[in-house]
Amino acid sequence: MGFKENLMMFFSARAESTEKHFLDELKTRYYKTSKDKAIQAVEEILNQDGLKVKRIETDLGEVIATSTSGKKVLVIATVITVKPFRTAVDFSCSVETMLPSDFGFSRKKVIALYEKLDKELPYIGSGLGDELL
């Protein structure tokens, strides 16, 4: 991780997992499950984490949740079936703050959500997009 990535992480109030993220903890994670079961598991972990699910778009594979108290947090989970019983899950977390940084809160939130999801669904690996396509 270079200087640019460190600077971007520090002066950011959001974190997002992607297929080729420079941090291994924030790479897209793949699970051996169906899209519907993954969406249900994501909804459960968001509720357990104290977030309120505002909307579930089953066709698009999106789950949108916000915080109920404390910091204003918006979490968007994207669930995509790549192959039968190979489902990718990405999280995006934004924190409303007056400062230019959330001091890593959004990154820690995404990592914590992934850790909970890993316990609910059979985890295959991270950043496997090139191998599965």
C-alpha atoms as a PDB file:
ATOM      1  CA  MET A   1       0.000   0.000   0.000  1.00  0.00           C
ATOM      2  CA  GLY A   2       1.482   3.288  -1.100  1.00  0.00           C
ATOM      3  CA  PHE A   3       1.343   6.833   0.118  1.00  0.00           C
ATOM      4  CA  LYS A   4      -1.584   7.677  -2.175  1.00  0.00           C
ATOM      5  CA  GLU A   5      -3.727   4.819  -0.816  1.00  0.00           C
ATOM      6  CA  ASN A   6      -2.923   5.750   2.798  1.00  0.00           C
ATOM      7  CA  LEU A   7      -3.847   9.370   2.138  1.00  0.00           C
ATOM      8  CA  MET A   8      -7.085   8.399   0.384  1.00  0.00           C
ATOM      9  CA  MET A   9      -8.063   6.095   3.254  1.00  0.00           C
ATOM     10  CA  PHE A  10      -7.368   8.783   5.854  1.00  0.00           C
ATOM     11  CA  PHE A  11      -9.317  11.540   4.101  1.00  0.00           C
ATOM     12  CA  SER A  12     -12.403   9.494   3.393  1.00  0.00           C
ATOM     13  CA  ALA A  13     -15.780   9.058   5.035  1.00  0.00           C
ATOM     14  CA  ARG A  14     -16.638   5.936   3.061  1.00  0.00           C
ATOM     15  CA  ALA A  15     -15.293   2.488   2.313  1.00  0.00           C
ATOM     16  CA  GLU A  16     -16.205   0.074  -0.430  1.00  0.00           C
ATOM     17  CA  SER A  17     -15.174  -3.460  -1.234  1.00  0.00           C
ATOM     18  CA  THR A  18     -14.137  -4.192  -4.811  1.00  0.00           C
ATOM     19  CA  GLU A  19     -12.754  -7.084  -6.807  1.00  0.00           C
ATOM     20  CA  LYS A  20      -9.196  -5.731  -6.937  1.00  0.00           C
ATOM     21  CA  HIS A  21      -8.942  -3.638  -3.785  1.00  0.00           C
ATOM     22  CA  PHE A  22      -5.435  -2.916  -2.470  1.00  0.00           C
ATOM     23  CA  LEU A  23      -6.495  -4.195   0.984  1.00  0.00           C
ATOM     24  CA  ASP A  24      -7.204  -7.933   1.153  1.00  0.00           C
ATOM     25  CA  GLU A  25      -9.904  -7.342   3.793  1.00  0.00           C
ATOM     26  CA  LEU A  26     -11.865  -5.196   1.315  1.00  0.00           C
ATOM     27  CA  LYS A  27     -11.824  -7.495  -1.690  1.00  0.00           C
ATOM     28  CA  THR A  28     -15.116  -8.902  -2.975  1.00  0.00           C
ATOM     29  CA  ARG A  29     -15.986 -12.079  -1.096  1.00  0.00           C
ATOM     30  CA  TYR A  30     -17.524 -15.179  -2.636  1.00  0.00           C
ATOM     31  CA  TYR A  31     -19.843 -17.657  -0.943  1.00  0.00           C
ATOM     32  CA  LYS A  32     -21.210 -21.074  -1.860  1.00  0.00           C
ATOM     33  CA  THR A  33     -24.892 -20.204  -1.728  1.00  0.00           C
ATOM     34  CA  SER A  34     -27.773 -18.906  -3.791  1.00  0.00           C
ATOM     35  CA  LYS A  35     -28.521 -15.228  -4.281  1.00  0.00           C
ATOM     36  CA  ASP A  36     -31.723 -15.391  -2.203  1.00  0.00           C
ATOM     37  CA  LYS A  37     -30.005 -17.050   0.771  1.00  0.00           C
ATOM     38  CA  ALA A  38     -27.153 -14.537   0.583  1.00  0.00           C
ATOM     39  CA  ILE A  39     -29.596 -11.609   0.581  1.00  0.00           C
ATOM     40  CA  GLN A  40     -31.393 -13.112   3.588  1.00  0.00           C
ATOM     41  CA  ALA A  41     -28.080 -13.590   5.449  1.00  0.00           C
ATOM     42  CA  VAL A  42     -26.996 -10.024   4.644  1.00  0.00           C
ATOM     43  CA  GLU A  43     -30.317  -8.700   5.947  1.00  0.00           C
ATOM     44  CA  GLU A  44     -29.897 -10.680   9.187  1.00  0.00           C
ATOM     45  CA  ILE A  45     -26.349  -9.466   9.866  1.00  0.00           C
ATOM     46  CA  LEU A  46     -27.315  -5.854   9.151  1.00  0.00           C
ATOM     47  CA  ASN A  47     -30.179  -6.135  11.658  1.00  0.00           C
ATOM     48  CA  GLN A  48     -27.849  -7.767  14.209  1.00  0.00           C
ATOM     49  CA  ASP A  49     -25.399  -4.908  13.733  1.00  0.00           C
ATOM     50  CA  GLY A  50     -28.029  -2.356  14.768  1.00  0.00           C
ATOM     51  CA  LEU A  51     -28.815  -1.139  11.262  1.00  0.00           C
ATOM     52  CA  LYS A  52     -32.329  -0.794   9.898  1.00  0.00           C
ATOM     53  CA  VAL A  53     -32.922  -2.312   6.470  1.00  0.00           C
ATOM     54  CA  LYS A  54     -34.705   0.334   4.407  1.00  0.00           C
ATOM     55  CA  ARG A  55     -35.088  -1.498   1.123  1.00  0.00           C
ATOM     56  CA  ILE A  56     -34.312  -4.816  -0.504  1.00  0.00           C
ATOM     57  CA  GLU A  57     -34.110  -4.952  -4.297  1.00  0.00           C
ATOM     58  CA  THR A  58     -34.091  -8.698  -4.937  1.00  0.00           C
ATOM     59  CA  ASP A  59     -33.902  -8.322  -8.736  1.00  0.00           C
ATOM     60  CA  LEU A  60     -30.881  -6.022  -8.499  1.00  0.00           C
ATOM     61  CA  GLY A  61     -29.367  -7.859  -5.549  1.00  0.00           C
ATOM     62  CA  GLU A  62     -29.154  -4.763  -3.345  1.00  0.00           C
ATOM     63  CA  VAL A  63     -29.842  -4.346   0.359  1.00  0.00           C
ATOM     64  CA  ILE A  64     -29.879  -0.777   1.697  1.00  0.00           C
ATOM     65  CA  ALA A  65     -29.632  -0.087   5.436  1.00  0.00           C
ATOM     66  CA  THR A  66     -29.110   2.930   7.677  1.00  0.00           C
ATOM     67  CA  SER A  67     -28.180   3.423  11.308  1.00  0.00           C
ATOM     68  CA  THR A  68     -30.900   3.807  13.899  1.00  0.00           C
ATOM     69  CA  SER A  69     -28.821   5.735  16.443  1.00  0.00           C
ATOM     70  CA  GLY A  70     -25.392   7.247  16.887  1.00  0.00           C
ATOM     71  CA  LYS A  71     -23.412   8.060  13.760  1.00  0.00           C
ATOM     72  CA  LYS A  72     -25.399   8.406  10.553  1.00  0.00           C
ATOM     73  CA  VAL A  73     -24.315   5.406   8.494  1.00  0.00           C
ATOM     74  CA  LEU A  74     -25.524   4.178   5.108  1.00  0.00           C
ATOM     75  CA  VAL A  75     -24.649   0.626   4.088  1.00  0.00           C
ATOM     76  CA  ILE A  76     -25.377  -0.798   0.650  1.00  0.00           C
ATOM     77  CA  ALA A  77     -24.787  -4.506   0.079  1.00  0.00           C
ATOM     78  CA  THR A  78     -24.644  -5.842  -3.466  1.00  0.00           C
ATOM     79  CA  VAL A  79     -25.240  -9.566  -4.028  1.00  0.00           C
ATOM     80  CA  ILE A  80     -24.545 -11.114  -7.446  1.00  0.00           C
ATOM     81  CA  THR A  81     -24.682 -14.739  -8.559  1.00  0.00           C
ATOM     82  CA  VAL A  82     -21.621 -15.427 -10.699  1.00  0.00           C
ATOM     83  CA  LYS A  83     -22.222 -19.151 -11.260  1.00  0.00           C
ATOM     84  CA  PRO A  84     -24.680 -21.577  -9.688  1.00  0.00           C
ATOM     85  CA  PHE A  85     -23.939 -21.556  -5.957  1.00  0.00           C
ATOM     86  CA  ARG A  86     -21.152 -19.000  -6.408  1.00  0.00           C
ATOM     87  CA  THR A  87     -22.366 -15.674  -5.085  1.00  0.00           C
ATOM     88  CA  ALA A  88     -20.348 -12.457  -4.730  1.00  0.00           C
ATOM     89  CA  VAL A  89     -21.060  -9.943  -1.959  1.00  0.00           C
ATOM     90  CA  ASP A  90     -19.793  -6.353  -1.870  1.00  0.00           C
ATOM     91  CA  PHE A  91     -20.392  -3.734   0.815  1.00  0.00           C
ATOM     92  CA  SER A  92     -20.309   0.045   0.579  1.00  0.00           C
ATOM     93  CA  CYS A  93     -20.411   2.076   3.793  1.00  0.00           C
ATOM     94  CA  SER A  94     -20.716   5.864   4.053  1.00  0.00           C
ATOM     95  CA  VAL A  95     -20.624   7.904   7.246  1.00  0.00           C
ATOM     96  CA  GLU A  96     -22.072  11.390   7.533  1.00  0.00           C
ATOM     97  CA  THR A  97     -19.514  13.575   9.268  1.00  0.00           C
ATOM     98  CA  MET A  98     -18.545  17.229   9.327  1.00  0.00           C
ATOM     99  CA  LEU A  99     -14.871  16.295   9.175  1.00  0.00           C
ATOM    100  CA  PRO A 100     -13.107  15.185   5.991  1.00  0.00           C
ATOM    101  CA  SER A 101     -12.457  11.783   7.587  1.00  0.00           C
ATOM    102  CA  ASP A 102     -14.320   9.158   9.584  1.00  0.00           C
ATOM    103  CA  PHE A 103     -10.976   7.892  10.968  1.00  0.00           C
ATOM    104  CA  GLY A 104     -11.442   4.386   9.559  1.00  0.00           C
ATOM    105  CA  PHE A 105     -14.964   3.798  10.931  1.00  0.00           C
ATOM    106  CA  SER A 106     -16.472   2.865   7.548  1.00  0.00           C
ATOM    107  CA  ARG A 107     -13.585   0.510   6.709  1.00  0.00           C
ATOM    108  CA  LYS A 108     -13.895  -1.233  10.087  1.00  0.00           C
ATOM    109  CA  LYS A 109     -17.672  -1.515   9.594  1.00  0.00           C
ATOM    110  CA  VAL A 110     -17.265  -3.269   6.214  1.00  0.00           C
ATOM    111  CA  ILE A 111     -14.661  -5.649   7.640  1.00  0.00           C
ATOM    112  CA  ALA A 112     -16.903  -6.442  10.640  1.00  0.00           C
ATOM    113  CA  LEU A 113     -19.874  -7.133   8.350  1.00  0.00           C
ATOM    114  CA  TYR A 114     -17.769  -9.523   6.268  1.00  0.00           C
ATOM    115  CA  GLU A 115     -16.599 -11.335   9.414  1.00  0.00           C
ATOM    116  CA  LYS A 116     -20.210 -11.864  10.486  1.00  0.00           C
ATOM    117  CA  LEU A 117     -21.245 -12.973   6.998  1.00  0.00           C
ATOM    118  CA  ASP A 118     -18.361 -15.475   6.899  1.00  0.00           C
ATOM    119  CA  LYS A 119     -19.942 -17.185   9.934  1.00  0.00           C
ATOM    120  CA  GLU A 120     -23.375 -17.347   8.281  1.00  0.00           C
ATOM    121  CA  LEU A 121     -22.468 -18.554   4.778  1.00  0.00           C
ATOM    122  CA  PRO A 122     -19.883 -21.023   3.382  1.00  0.00           C
ATOM    123  CA  TYR A 123     -16.963 -18.764   2.434  1.00  0.00           C
ATOM    124  CA  ILE A 124     -15.068 -19.657  -0.781  1.00  0.00           C
ATOM    125  CA  GLY A 125     -12.531 -16.850  -1.120  1.00  0.00           C
ATOM    126  CA  SER A 126     -11.849 -13.199  -1.936  1.00  0.00           C
ATOM    127  CA  GLY A 127     -11.174 -11.517  -5.266  1.00  0.00           C
ATOM    128  CA  LEU A 128     -11.920 -14.649  -7.295  1.00  0.00           C
ATOM    129  CA  GLY A 129     -13.686 -12.904 -10.186  1.00  0.00           C
ATOM    130  CA  ASP A 130     -11.113 -13.792 -12.833  1.00  0.00           C
ATOM    131  CA  GLU A 131     -11.110 -17.456 -11.794  1.00  0.00           C
ATOM    132  CA  LEU A 132     -14.894 -17.825 -11.744  1.00  0.00           C
ATOM    133  CA  LEU A 133     -15.646 -16.105 -15.042  1.00  0.00           C
END
